[in-house]
Amino acid sequence: MPEKTIFEKILDGEIPSESVFEDENVYAFRDVNPQAPVHVLVIPKSKLTGFADLATADLVTVGRFMQEVARVAGKLGLEEEGYRIVFNQGKNGQQTVAYLHAHILGGRRMSWPPG
């Protein structure tokens, strides 16, 4: 059996996290190493290893996940001032956990290009 990712351990309650939202489909929690005043991660409860997996996932799963990311950003009060959603895919995209996750970054003006 492959070793669990940190996100699977968080979902299983093995690693504590600061929850900001949870429902039957997703779990959202504050990043322990925030890159902005607001930095929340949103993960699906059904594991996908990365953004590329969305290409073959069923449309209901993809749509539901994207809607939940938008809802979490709204619950964080970021809609008026704006925010950034980041997905990292693969080594060159700096993906460090093999589990799909969206970064919601807000609370400050973002710069461009992102790096």
PDB file of N, CA and C in Angstrom:
ATOM      1  N   MET A   1       0.848  -1.182   0.000  1.00  0.00           N
ATOM      2  CA  MET A   1       0.000   0.000   0.000  1.00  0.00           C
ATOM      3  C   MET A   1       0.890   1.241   0.000  1.00  0.00           C
ATOM      4  N   PRO A   2       0.638   2.185  -0.911  1.00  0.00           N
ATOM      5  CA  PRO A   2       1.461   3.401  -0.945  1.00  0.00           C
ATOM      6  C   PRO A   2       1.267   4.233   0.326  1.00  0.00           C
ATOM      7  N   GLU A   3       2.303   4.974   0.660  1.00  0.00           N
ATOM      8  CA  GLU A   3       2.222   5.842   1.833  1.00  0.00           C
ATOM      9  C   GLU A   3       1.196   6.938   1.584  1.00  0.00           C
ATOM     10  N   LYS A   4       0.473   7.288   2.634  1.00  0.00           N
ATOM     11  CA  LYS A   4      -0.522   8.354   2.523  1.00  0.00           C
ATOM     12  C   LYS A   4       0.168   9.696   2.318  1.00  0.00           C
ATOM     13  N   THR A   5      -0.489  10.557   1.539  1.00  0.00           N
ATOM     14  CA  THR A   5      -0.007  11.927   1.403  1.00  0.00           C
ATOM     15  C   THR A   5      -0.388  12.702   2.658  1.00  0.00           C
ATOM     16  N   ILE A   6       0.228  13.857   2.831  1.00  0.00           N
ATOM     17  CA  ILE A   6      -0.108  14.707   3.978  1.00  0.00           C
ATOM     18  C   ILE A   6      -1.589  15.082   3.952  1.00  0.00           C
ATOM     19  N   PHE A   7      -2.165  15.254   2.777  1.00  0.00           N
ATOM     20  CA  PHE A   7      -3.574  15.634   2.695  1.00  0.00           C
ATOM     21  C   PHE A   7      -4.481  14.475   3.115  1.00  0.00           C
ATOM     22  N   GLU A   8      -4.097  13.251   2.769  1.00  0.00           N
ATOM     23  CA  GLU A   8      -4.875  12.096   3.224  1.00  0.00           C
ATOM     24  C   GLU A   8      -4.793  11.972   4.743  1.00  0.00           C
ATOM     25  N   LYS A   9      -3.622  12.261   5.304  1.00  0.00           N
ATOM     26  CA  LYS A   9      -3.469  12.220   6.762  1.00  0.00           C
ATOM     27  C   LYS A   9      -4.297  13.308   7.430  1.00  0.00           C
ATOM     28  N   ILE A  10      -4.389  14.475   6.797  1.00  0.00           N
ATOM     29  CA  ILE A  10      -5.233  15.554   7.323  1.00  0.00           C
ATOM     30  C   ILE A  10      -6.698  15.125   7.281  1.00  0.00           C
ATOM     31  N   LEU A  11      -7.142  14.564   6.149  1.00  0.00           N
ATOM     32  CA  LEU A  11      -8.536  14.112   6.036  1.00  0.00           C
ATOM     33  C   LEU A  11      -8.856  13.027   7.057  1.00  0.00           C
ATOM     34  N   ASP A  12      -7.888  12.169   7.353  1.00  0.00           N
ATOM     35  CA  ASP A  12      -8.086  11.079   8.310  1.00  0.00           C
ATOM     36  C   ASP A  12      -7.928  11.527   9.763  1.00  0.00           C
ATOM     37  N   GLY A  13      -7.600  12.803   9.990  1.00  0.00           N
ATOM     38  CA  GLY A  13      -7.450  13.320  11.341  1.00  0.00           C
ATOM     39  C   GLY A  13      -6.129  12.981  12.002  1.00  0.00           C
ATOM     40  N   GLU A  14      -5.184  12.462  11.226  1.00  0.00           N
ATOM     41  CA  GLU A  14      -3.872  12.104  11.771  1.00  0.00           C
ATOM     42  C   GLU A  14      -2.973  13.320  11.946  1.00  0.00           C
ATOM     43  N   ILE A  15      -3.233  14.354  11.165  1.00  0.00           N
ATOM     44  CA  ILE A  15      -2.490  15.614  11.254  1.00  0.00           C
ATOM     45  C   ILE A  15      -3.517  16.721  11.460  1.00  0.00           C
ATOM     46  N   PRO A  16      -3.319  17.563  12.465  1.00  0.00           N
ATOM     47  CA  PRO A  16      -4.293  18.639  12.701  1.00  0.00           C
ATOM     48  C   PRO A  16      -4.224  19.710  11.619  1.00  0.00           C
ATOM     49  N   SER A  17      -5.346  20.388  11.430  1.00  0.00           N
ATOM     50  CA  SER A  17      -5.417  21.487  10.470  1.00  0.00           C
ATOM     51  C   SER A  17      -6.455  22.479  10.965  1.00  0.00           C
ATOM     52  N   GLU A  18      -6.356  23.711  10.454  1.00  0.00           N
ATOM     53  CA  GLU A  18      -7.314  24.752  10.812  1.00  0.00           C
ATOM     54  C   GLU A  18      -8.382  24.830   9.722  1.00  0.00           C
ATOM     55  N   SER A  19      -9.479  24.168   9.960  1.00  0.00           N
ATOM     56  CA  SER A  19     -10.562  24.075   8.989  1.00  0.00           C
ATOM     57  C   SER A  19     -11.238  25.423   8.776  1.00  0.00           C
ATOM     58  N   VAL A  20     -11.563  25.731   7.520  1.00  0.00           N
ATOM     59  CA  VAL A  20     -12.376  26.909   7.222  1.00  0.00           C
ATOM     60  C   VAL A  20     -13.697  26.522   6.562  1.00  0.00           C
ATOM     61  N   PHE A  21     -13.761  25.298   5.999  1.00  0.00           N
ATOM     62  CA  PHE A  21     -14.988  24.823   5.360  1.00  0.00           C
ATOM     63  C   PHE A  21     -14.860  23.328   5.127  1.00  0.00           C
ATOM     64  N   GLU A  22     -15.999  22.638   5.278  1.00  0.00           N
ATOM     65  CA  GLU A  22     -16.032  21.217   4.956  1.00  0.00           C
ATOM     66  C   GLU A  22     -17.445  20.836   4.584  1.00  0.00           C
ATOM     67  N   ASP A  23     -17.567  19.995   3.566  1.00  0.00           N
ATOM     68  CA  ASP A  23     -18.834  19.359   3.243  1.00  0.00           C
ATOM     69  C   ASP A  23     -18.529  17.937   2.791  1.00  0.00           C
ATOM     70  N   GLU A  24     -19.479  17.273   2.180  1.00  0.00           N
ATOM     71  CA  GLU A  24     -19.264  15.875   1.789  1.00  0.00           C
ATOM     72  C   GLU A  24     -18.256  15.716   0.647  1.00  0.00           C
ATOM     73  N   ASN A  25     -17.947  16.805  -0.064  1.00  0.00           N
ATOM     74  CA  ASN A  25     -17.081  16.714  -1.242  1.00  0.00           C
ATOM     75  C   ASN A  25     -15.677  17.260  -1.055  1.00  0.00           C
ATOM     76  N   VAL A  26     -15.531  18.315  -0.265  1.00  0.00           N
ATOM     77  CA  VAL A  26     -14.238  18.994  -0.137  1.00  0.00           C
ATOM     78  C   VAL A  26     -13.929  19.328   1.316  1.00  0.00           C
ATOM     79  N   TYR A  27     -12.647  19.595   1.541  1.00  0.00           N
ATOM     80  CA  TYR A  27     -12.182  20.084   2.835  1.00  0.00           C
ATOM     81  C   TYR A  27     -11.268  21.269   2.541  1.00  0.00           C
ATOM     82  N   ALA A  28     -11.483  22.380   3.232  1.00  0.00           N
ATOM     83  CA  ALA A  28     -10.664  23.587   3.053  1.00  0.00           C
ATOM     84  C   ALA A  28     -10.043  23.949   4.393  1.00  0.00           C
ATOM     85  N   PHE A  29      -8.749  24.276   4.357  1.00  0.00           N
ATOM     86  CA  PHE A  29      -8.031  24.577   5.590  1.00  0.00           C
ATOM     87  C   PHE A  29      -6.911  25.567   5.312  1.00  0.00           C
ATOM     88  N   ARG A  30      -6.476  26.249   6.360  1.00  0.00           N
ATOM     89  CA  ARG A  30      -5.423  27.256   6.230  1.00  0.00           C
ATOM     90  C   ARG A  30      -4.076  26.586   5.988  1.00  0.00           C
ATOM     91  N   ASP A  31      -3.297  27.175   5.084  1.00  0.00           N
ATOM     92  CA  ASP A  31      -1.948  26.680   4.797  1.00  0.00           C
ATOM     93  C   ASP A  31      -1.048  26.992   5.988  1.00  0.00           C
ATOM     94  N   VAL A  32      -0.210  26.033   6.373  1.00  0.00           N
ATOM     95  CA  VAL A  32       0.690  26.244   7.521  1.00  0.00           C
ATOM     96  C   VAL A  32       1.864  27.142   7.165  1.00  0.00           C
ATOM     97  N   ASN A  33       2.090  27.371   5.872  1.00  0.00           N
ATOM     98  CA  ASN A  33       3.161  28.248   5.405  1.00  0.00           C
ATOM     99  C   ASN A  33       2.556  29.272   4.442  1.00  0.00           C
ATOM    100  N   PRO A  34       1.746  30.199   4.967  1.00  0.00           N
ATOM    101  CA  PRO A  34       0.988  31.100   4.089  1.00  0.00           C
ATOM    102  C   PRO A  34       1.873  32.027   3.262  1.00  0.00           C
ATOM    103  N   GLN A  35       1.460  32.208   2.004  1.00  0.00           N
ATOM    104  CA  GLN A  35       2.155  33.083   1.067  1.00  0.00           C
ATOM    105  C   GLN A  35       1.407  34.390   0.851  1.00  0.00           C
ATOM    106  N   ALA A  36       0.319  34.578   1.581  1.00  0.00           N
ATOM    107  CA  ALA A  36      -0.492  35.798   1.530  1.00  0.00           C
ATOM    108  C   ALA A  36      -1.245  35.876   2.853  1.00  0.00           C
ATOM    109  N   PRO A  37      -1.814  37.043   3.182  1.00  0.00           N
ATOM    110  CA  PRO A  37      -2.574  37.141   4.426  1.00  0.00           C
ATOM    111  C   PRO A  37      -3.680  36.079   4.544  1.00  0.00           C
ATOM    112  N   VAL A  38      -4.297  35.745   3.424  1.00  0.00           N
ATOM    113  CA  VAL A  38      -5.245  34.628   3.374  1.00  0.00           C
ATOM    114  C   VAL A  38      -4.651  33.595   2.432  1.00  0.00           C
ATOM    115  N   HIS A  39      -4.427  32.387   2.927  1.00  0.00           N
ATOM    116  CA  HIS A  39      -3.912  31.299   2.108  1.00  0.00           C
ATOM    117  C   HIS A  39      -4.584  30.019   2.592  1.00  0.00           C
ATOM    118  N   VAL A  40      -5.545  29.565   1.795  1.00  0.00           N
ATOM    119  CA  VAL A  40      -6.344  28.393   2.137  1.00  0.00           C
ATOM    120  C   VAL A  40      -6.175  27.354   1.037  1.00  0.00           C
ATOM    121  N   LEU A  41      -6.093  26.097   1.441  1.00  0.00           N
ATOM    122  CA  LEU A  41      -6.034  24.980   0.504  1.00  0.00           C
ATOM    123  C   LEU A  41      -7.401  24.314   0.469  1.00  0.00           C
ATOM    124  N   VAL A  42      -7.840  23.937  -0.732  1.00  0.00           N
ATOM    125  CA  VAL A  42      -9.092  23.211  -0.901  1.00  0.00           C
ATOM    126  C   VAL A  42      -8.749  21.891  -1.570  1.00  0.00           C
ATOM    127  N   ILE A  43      -9.149  20.793  -0.924  1.00  0.00           N
ATOM    128  CA  ILE A  43      -8.874  19.466  -1.465  1.00  0.00           C
ATOM    129  C   ILE A  43     -10.176  18.689  -1.615  1.00  0.00           C
ATOM    130  N   PRO A  44     -10.267  17.870  -2.672  1.00  0.00           N
ATOM    131  CA  PRO A  44     -11.436  17.005  -2.783  1.00  0.00           C
ATOM    132  C   PRO A  44     -11.298  15.840  -1.802  1.00  0.00           C
ATOM    133  N   LYS A  45     -12.396  15.335  -1.332  1.00  0.00           N
ATOM    134  CA  LYS A  45     -12.336  14.183  -0.431  1.00  0.00           C
ATOM    135  C   LYS A  45     -12.064  12.891  -1.188  1.00  0.00           C
ATOM    136  N   SER A  46     -12.343  12.880  -2.475  1.00  0.00           N
ATOM    137  CA  SER A  46     -11.980  11.750  -3.325  1.00  0.00           C
ATOM    138  C   SER A  46     -10.667  12.103  -4.000  1.00  0.00           C
ATOM    139  N   LYS A  47      -9.657  11.293  -3.782  1.00  0.00           N
ATOM    140  CA  LYS A  47      -8.310  11.633  -4.232  1.00  0.00           C
ATOM    141  C   LYS A  47      -8.169  11.667  -5.751  1.00  0.00           C
ATOM    142  N   LEU A  48      -7.604  12.755  -6.220  1.00  0.00           N
ATOM    143  CA  LEU A  48      -7.066  12.891  -7.570  1.00  0.00           C
ATOM    144  C   LEU A  48      -5.619  13.313  -7.334  1.00  0.00           C
ATOM    145  N   THR A  49      -4.680  12.809  -8.124  1.00  0.00           N
ATOM    146  CA  THR A  49      -3.276  13.083  -7.814  1.00  0.00           C
ATOM    147  C   THR A  49      -2.800  14.456  -8.258  1.00  0.00           C
ATOM    148  N   GLY A  50      -3.524  15.102  -9.158  1.00  0.00           N
ATOM    149  CA  GLY A  50      -3.114  16.431  -9.597  1.00  0.00           C
ATOM    150  C   GLY A  50      -4.128  17.030 -10.541  1.00  0.00           C
ATOM    151  N   PHE A  51      -3.854  18.248 -10.962  1.00  0.00           N
ATOM    152  CA  PHE A  51      -4.749  18.983 -11.852  1.00  0.00           C
ATOM    153  C   PHE A  51      -4.979  18.223 -13.152  1.00  0.00           C
ATOM    154  N   ALA A  52      -3.949  17.552 -13.649  1.00  0.00           N
ATOM    155  CA  ALA A  52      -4.071  16.804 -14.902  1.00  0.00           C
ATOM    156  C   ALA A  52      -5.143  15.719 -14.818  1.00  0.00           C
ATOM    157  N   ASP A  53      -5.413  15.198 -13.636  1.00  0.00           N
ATOM    158  CA  ASP A  53      -6.448  14.172 -13.465  1.00  0.00           C
ATOM    159  C   ASP A  53      -7.844  14.697 -13.788  1.00  0.00           C
ATOM    160  N   LEU A  54      -8.021  16.020 -13.747  1.00  0.00           N
ATOM    161  CA  LEU A  54      -9.328  16.579 -14.056  1.00  0.00           C
ATOM    162  C   LEU A  54      -9.725  16.330 -15.507  1.00  0.00           C
ATOM    163  N   ALA A  55      -8.739  16.104 -16.371  1.00  0.00           N
ATOM    164  CA  ALA A  55      -9.018  15.866 -17.790  1.00  0.00           C
ATOM    165  C   ALA A  55      -9.798  14.571 -18.005  1.00  0.00           C
ATOM    166  N   THR A  56      -9.644  13.608 -17.112  1.00  0.00           N
ATOM    167  CA  THR A  56     -10.327  12.329 -17.275  1.00  0.00           C
ATOM    168  C   THR A  56     -11.360  12.069 -16.183  1.00  0.00           C
ATOM    169  N   ALA A  57     -11.498  12.984 -15.241  1.00  0.00           N
ATOM    170  CA  ALA A  57     -12.509  12.833 -14.184  1.00  0.00           C
ATOM    171  C   ALA A  57     -13.888  13.130 -14.760  1.00  0.00           C
ATOM    172  N   ASP A  58     -14.917  12.587 -14.119  1.00  0.00           N
ATOM    173  CA  ASP A  58     -16.262  12.858 -14.630  1.00  0.00           C
ATOM    174  C   ASP A  58     -16.605  14.332 -14.402  1.00  0.00           C
ATOM    175  N   LEU A  59     -17.454  14.850 -15.260  1.00  0.00           N
ATOM    176  CA  LEU A  59     -17.773  16.273 -15.249  1.00  0.00           C
ATOM    177  C   LEU A  59     -18.430  16.725 -13.956  1.00  0.00           C
ATOM    178  N   VAL A  60     -19.186  15.873 -13.320  1.00  0.00           N
ATOM    179  CA  VAL A  60     -19.817  16.248 -12.055  1.00  0.00           C
ATOM    180  C   VAL A  60     -18.745  16.489 -10.995  1.00  0.00           C
ATOM    181  N   THR A  61     -17.752  15.619 -10.929  1.00  0.00           N
ATOM    182  CA  THR A  61     -16.661  15.775  -9.966  1.00  0.00           C
ATOM    183  C   THR A  61     -15.889  17.058 -10.221  1.00  0.00           C
ATOM    184  N   VAL A  62     -15.555  17.305 -11.477  1.00  0.00           N
ATOM    185  CA  VAL A  62     -14.798  18.505 -11.846  1.00  0.00           C
ATOM    186  C   VAL A  62     -15.606  19.759 -11.518  1.00  0.00           C
ATOM    187  N   GLY A  63     -16.845  19.785 -11.955  1.00  0.00           N
ATOM    188  CA  GLY A  63     -17.689  20.954 -11.719  1.00  0.00           C
ATOM    189  C   GLY A  63     -17.932  21.208 -10.248  1.00  0.00           C
ATOM    190  N   ARG A  64     -18.203  20.153  -9.508  1.00  0.00           N
ATOM    191  CA  ARG A  64     -18.457  20.301  -8.079  1.00  0.00           C
ATOM    192  C   ARG A  64     -17.220  20.861  -7.374  1.00  0.00           C
ATOM    193  N   PHE A  65     -16.033  20.345  -7.719  1.00  0.00           N
ATOM    194  CA  PHE A  65     -14.810  20.822  -7.076  1.00  0.00           C
ATOM    195  C   PHE A  65     -14.595  22.312  -7.376  1.00  0.00           C
ATOM    196  N   MET A  66     -14.734  22.702  -8.627  1.00  0.00           N
ATOM    197  CA  MET A  66     -14.520  24.100  -8.983  1.00  0.00           C
ATOM    198  C   MET A  66     -15.552  25.007  -8.301  1.00  0.00           C
ATOM    199  N   GLN A  67     -16.804  24.577  -8.223  1.00  0.00           N
ATOM    200  CA  GLN A  67     -17.818  25.360  -7.516  1.00  0.00           C
ATOM    201  C   GLN A  67     -17.465  25.512  -6.042  1.00  0.00           C
ATOM    202  N   GLU A  68     -16.991  24.450  -5.435  1.00  0.00           N
ATOM    203  CA  GLU A  68     -16.642  24.509  -4.012  1.00  0.00           C
ATOM    204  C   GLU A  68     -15.462  25.448  -3.775  1.00  0.00           C
ATOM    205  N   VAL A  69     -14.477  25.456  -4.670  1.00  0.00           N
ATOM    206  CA  VAL A  69     -13.355  26.390  -4.535  1.00  0.00           C
ATOM    207  C   VAL A  69     -13.894  27.822  -4.550  1.00  0.00           C
ATOM    208  N   ALA A  70     -14.796  28.121  -5.493  1.00  0.00           N
ATOM    209  CA  ALA A  70     -15.390  29.460  -5.563  1.00  0.00           C
ATOM    210  C   ALA A  70     -16.197  29.783  -4.308  1.00  0.00           C
ATOM    211  N   ARG A  71     -16.932  28.811  -3.789  1.00  0.00           N
ATOM    212  CA  ARG A  71     -17.717  29.041  -2.571  1.00  0.00           C
ATOM    213  C   ARG A  71     -16.815  29.335  -1.375  1.00  0.00           C
ATOM    214  N   VAL A  72     -15.723  28.601  -1.262  1.00  0.00           N
ATOM    215  CA  VAL A  72     -14.803  28.837  -0.153  1.00  0.00           C
ATOM    216  C   VAL A  72     -14.234  30.251  -0.240  1.00  0.00           C
ATOM    217  N   ALA A  73     -13.832  30.678  -1.442  1.00  0.00           N
ATOM    218  CA  ALA A  73     -13.317  32.042  -1.606  1.00  0.00           C
ATOM    219  C   ALA A  73     -14.372  33.059  -1.170  1.00  0.00           C
ATOM    220  N   GLY A  74     -15.621  32.805  -1.509  1.00  0.00           N
ATOM    221  CA  GLY A  74     -16.702  33.690  -1.091  1.00  0.00           C
ATOM    222  C   GLY A  74     -16.870  33.699   0.420  1.00  0.00           C
ATOM    223  N   LYS A  75     -16.818  32.531   1.046  1.00  0.00           N
ATOM    224  CA  LYS A  75     -16.940  32.440   2.505  1.00  0.00           C
ATOM    225  C   LYS A  75     -15.789  33.158   3.207  1.00  0.00           C
ATOM    226  N   LEU A  76     -14.646  33.254   2.538  1.00  0.00           N
ATOM    227  CA  LEU A  76     -13.491  33.957   3.106  1.00  0.00           C
ATOM    228  C   LEU A  76     -13.607  35.478   2.942  1.00  0.00           C
ATOM    229  N   GLY A  77     -14.630  35.933   2.222  1.00  0.00           N
ATOM    230  CA  GLY A  77     -14.852  37.366   2.043  1.00  0.00           C
ATOM    231  C   GLY A  77     -13.899  38.014   1.050  1.00  0.00           C
ATOM    232  N   LEU A  78     -13.433  37.245   0.074  1.00  0.00           N
ATOM    233  CA  LEU A  78     -12.416  37.753  -0.848  1.00  0.00           C
ATOM    234  C   LEU A  78     -12.970  38.292  -2.164  1.00  0.00           C
ATOM    235  N   GLU A  79     -14.247  38.115  -2.419  1.00  0.00           N
ATOM    236  CA  GLU A  79     -14.790  38.446  -3.737  1.00  0.00           C
ATOM    237  C   GLU A  79     -14.659  39.912  -4.116  1.00  0.00           C
ATOM    238  N   GLU A  80     -14.913  40.816  -3.185  1.00  0.00           N
ATOM    239  CA  GLU A  80     -14.900  42.241  -3.532  1.00  0.00           C
ATOM    240  C   GLU A  80     -13.507  42.720  -3.939  1.00  0.00           C
ATOM    241  N   GLU A  81     -12.499  42.393  -3.175  1.00  0.00           N
ATOM    242  CA  GLU A  81     -11.131  42.867  -3.454  1.00  0.00           C
ATOM    243  C   GLU A  81     -10.387  41.983  -4.446  1.00  0.00           C
ATOM    244  N   GLY A  82     -10.799  40.740  -4.580  1.00  0.00           N
ATOM    245  CA  GLY A  82     -10.166  39.824  -5.506  1.00  0.00           C
ATOM    246  C   GLY A  82      -9.220  38.855  -4.828  1.00  0.00           C
ATOM    247  N   TYR A  83      -8.869  37.830  -5.572  1.00  0.00           N
ATOM    248  CA  TYR A  83      -8.019  36.763  -5.048  1.00  0.00           C
ATOM    249  C   TYR A  83      -7.420  35.990  -6.208  1.00  0.00           C
ATOM    250  N   ARG A  84      -6.534  35.086  -5.894  1.00  0.00           N
ATOM    251  CA  ARG A  84      -5.902  34.242  -6.912  1.00  0.00           C
ATOM    252  C   ARG A  84      -6.122  32.784  -6.535  1.00  0.00           C
ATOM    253  N   ILE A  85      -6.405  31.971  -7.544  1.00  0.00           N
ATOM    254  CA  ILE A  85      -6.490  30.520  -7.377  1.00  0.00           C
ATOM    255  C   ILE A  85      -5.276  29.932  -8.086  1.00  0.00           C
ATOM    256  N   VAL A  86      -4.543  29.069  -7.393  1.00  0.00           N
ATOM    257  CA  VAL A  86      -3.347  28.450  -7.972  1.00  0.00           C
ATOM    258  C   VAL A  86      -3.472  26.938  -7.884  1.00  0.00           C
ATOM    259  N   PHE A  87      -3.191  26.283  -9.005  1.00  0.00           N
ATOM    260  CA  PHE A  87      -3.037  24.831  -9.060  1.00  0.00           C
ATOM    261  C   PHE A  87      -1.621  24.565  -9.538  1.00  0.00           C
ATOM    262  N   ASN A  88      -0.878  23.744  -8.827  1.00  0.00           N
ATOM    263  CA  ASN A  88       0.456  23.343  -9.268  1.00  0.00           C
ATOM    264  C   ASN A  88       0.360  21.925  -9.820  1.00  0.00           C
ATOM    265  N   GLN A  89       1.001  21.686 -10.963  1.00  0.00           N
ATOM    266  CA  GLN A  89       0.960  20.364 -11.585  1.00  0.00           C
ATOM    267  C   GLN A  89       2.370  19.914 -11.917  1.00  0.00           C
ATOM    268  N   GLY A  90       2.782  18.829 -11.333  1.00  0.00           N
ATOM    269  CA  GLY A  90       4.063  18.207 -11.670  1.00  0.00           C
ATOM    270  C   GLY A  90       5.281  18.938 -11.119  1.00  0.00           C
ATOM    271  N   LYS A  91       6.431  18.360 -11.407  1.00  0.00           N
ATOM    272  CA  LYS A  91       7.704  18.853 -10.882  1.00  0.00           C
ATOM    273  C   LYS A  91       7.970  20.305 -11.255  1.00  0.00           C
ATOM    274  N   ASN A  92       7.857  20.643 -12.532  1.00  0.00           N
ATOM    275  CA  ASN A  92       8.143  22.015 -12.955  1.00  0.00           C
ATOM    276  C   ASN A  92       7.088  23.018 -12.476  1.00  0.00           C
ATOM    277  N   GLY A  93       5.911  22.527 -12.136  1.00  0.00           N
ATOM    278  CA  GLY A  93       4.873  23.392 -11.588  1.00  0.00           C
ATOM    279  C   GLY A  93       4.968  23.521 -10.070  1.00  0.00           C
ATOM    280  N   GLN A  94       5.999  22.910  -9.491  1.00  0.00           N
ATOM    281  CA  GLN A  94       6.236  22.960  -8.038  1.00  0.00           C
ATOM    282  C   GLN A  94       5.160  22.245  -7.225  1.00  0.00           C
ATOM    283  N   GLN A  95       4.563  21.197  -7.812  1.00  0.00           N
ATOM    284  CA  GLN A  95       3.609  20.394  -7.047  1.00  0.00           C
ATOM    285  C   GLN A  95       4.399  19.536  -6.071  1.00  0.00           C
ATOM    286  N   THR A  96       4.164  19.707  -4.787  1.00  0.00           N
ATOM    287  CA  THR A  96       4.923  18.975  -3.770  1.00  0.00           C
ATOM    288  C   THR A  96       4.128  17.854  -3.121  1.00  0.00           C
ATOM    289  N   VAL A  97       2.822  17.833  -3.319  1.00  0.00           N
ATOM    290  CA  VAL A  97       1.978  16.769  -2.780  1.00  0.00           C
ATOM    291  C   VAL A  97       1.189  16.172  -3.936  1.00  0.00           C
ATOM    292  N   ALA A  98       1.259  14.862  -4.111  1.00  0.00           N
ATOM    293  CA  ALA A  98       0.563  14.186  -5.204  1.00  0.00           C
ATOM    294  C   ALA A  98      -0.915  14.003  -4.858  1.00  0.00           C
ATOM    295  N   TYR A  99      -1.583  15.129  -4.720  1.00  0.00           N
ATOM    296  CA  TYR A  99      -3.010  15.146  -4.390  1.00  0.00           C
ATOM    297  C   TYR A  99      -3.524  16.492  -4.886  1.00  0.00           C
ATOM    298  N   LEU A 100      -4.571  16.484  -5.702  1.00  0.00           N
ATOM    299  CA  LEU A 100      -5.128  17.723  -6.243  1.00  0.00           C
ATOM    300  C   LEU A 100      -5.477  18.690  -5.114  1.00  0.00           C
ATOM    301  N   HIS A 101      -5.035  19.922  -5.254  1.00  0.00           N
ATOM    302  CA  HIS A 101      -5.393  20.953  -4.280  1.00  0.00           C
ATOM    303  C   HIS A 101      -5.343  22.313  -4.941  1.00  0.00           C
ATOM    304  N   ALA A 102      -6.260  23.158  -4.532  1.00  0.00           N
ATOM    305  CA  ALA A 102      -6.312  24.542  -5.007  1.00  0.00           C
ATOM    306  C   ALA A 102      -5.836  25.437  -3.878  1.00  0.00           C
ATOM    307  N   HIS A 103      -4.952  26.372  -4.210  1.00  0.00           N
ATOM    308  CA  HIS A 103      -4.537  27.402  -3.265  1.00  0.00           C
ATOM    309  C   HIS A 103      -5.417  28.623  -3.514  1.00  0.00           C
ATOM    310  N   ILE A 104      -6.075  29.124  -2.473  1.00  0.00           N
ATOM    311  CA  ILE A 104      -6.789  30.390  -2.559  1.00  0.00           C
ATOM    312  C   ILE A 104      -5.919  31.405  -1.833  1.00  0.00           C
ATOM    313  N   LEU A 105      -5.467  32.423  -2.574  1.00  0.00           N
ATOM    314  CA  LEU A 105      -4.587  33.456  -2.020  1.00  0.00           C
ATOM    315  C   LEU A 105      -5.291  34.804  -2.099  1.00  0.00           C
ATOM    316  N   GLY A 106      -5.281  35.531  -0.999  1.00  0.00           N
ATOM    317  CA  GLY A 106      -5.930  36.840  -0.999  1.00  0.00           C
ATOM    318  C   GLY A 106      -5.468  37.690   0.164  1.00  0.00           C
ATOM    319  N   GLY A 107      -6.104  38.840   0.283  1.00  0.00           N
ATOM    320  CA  GLY A 107      -5.782  39.750   1.364  1.00  0.00           C
ATOM    321  C   GLY A 107      -4.667  40.726   1.038  1.00  0.00           C
ATOM    322  N   ARG A 108      -4.168  40.675  -0.191  1.00  0.00           N
ATOM    323  CA  ARG A 108      -3.161  41.628  -0.655  1.00  0.00           C
ATOM    324  C   ARG A 108      -3.193  41.639  -2.176  1.00  0.00           C
ATOM    325  N   ARG A 109      -2.563  42.643  -2.774  1.00  0.00           N
ATOM    326  CA  ARG A 109      -2.460  42.721  -4.225  1.00  0.00           C
ATOM    327  C   ARG A 109      -1.440  41.679  -4.698  1.00  0.00           C
ATOM    328  N   MET A 110      -1.813  40.911  -5.683  1.00  0.00           N
ATOM    329  CA  MET A 110      -0.927  39.895  -6.251  1.00  0.00           C
ATOM    330  C   MET A 110      -0.026  40.532  -7.309  1.00  0.00           C
ATOM    331  N   SER A 111       1.149  39.978  -7.471  1.00  0.00           N
ATOM    332  CA  SER A 111       2.051  40.489  -8.511  1.00  0.00           C
ATOM    333  C   SER A 111       2.006  39.579  -9.729  1.00  0.00           C
ATOM    334  N   TRP A 112       2.520  40.088 -10.844  1.00  0.00           N
ATOM    335  CA  TRP A 112       2.571  39.319 -12.095  1.00  0.00           C
ATOM    336  C   TRP A 112       3.856  39.645 -12.814  1.00  0.00           C
ATOM    337  N   PRO A 113       4.582  38.724 -13.366  1.00  0.00           N
ATOM    338  CA  PRO A 113       4.258  37.311 -13.408  1.00  0.00           C
ATOM    339  C   PRO A 113       4.484  36.646 -12.046  1.00  0.00           C
ATOM    340  N   PRO A 114       3.793  35.522 -11.818  1.00  0.00           N
ATOM    341  CA  PRO A 114       3.847  34.895 -10.511  1.00  0.00           C
ATOM    342  C   PRO A 114       5.167  34.195 -10.201  1.00  0.00           C
ATOM    343  N   GLY A 115       5.975  33.863 -11.185  1.00  0.00           N
ATOM    344  CA  GLY A 115       7.259  33.264 -10.871  1.00  0.00           C
ATOM    345  C   GLY A 115       7.513  32.035 -11.619  1.00  0.00           C
TER     346      GLY A 115
END
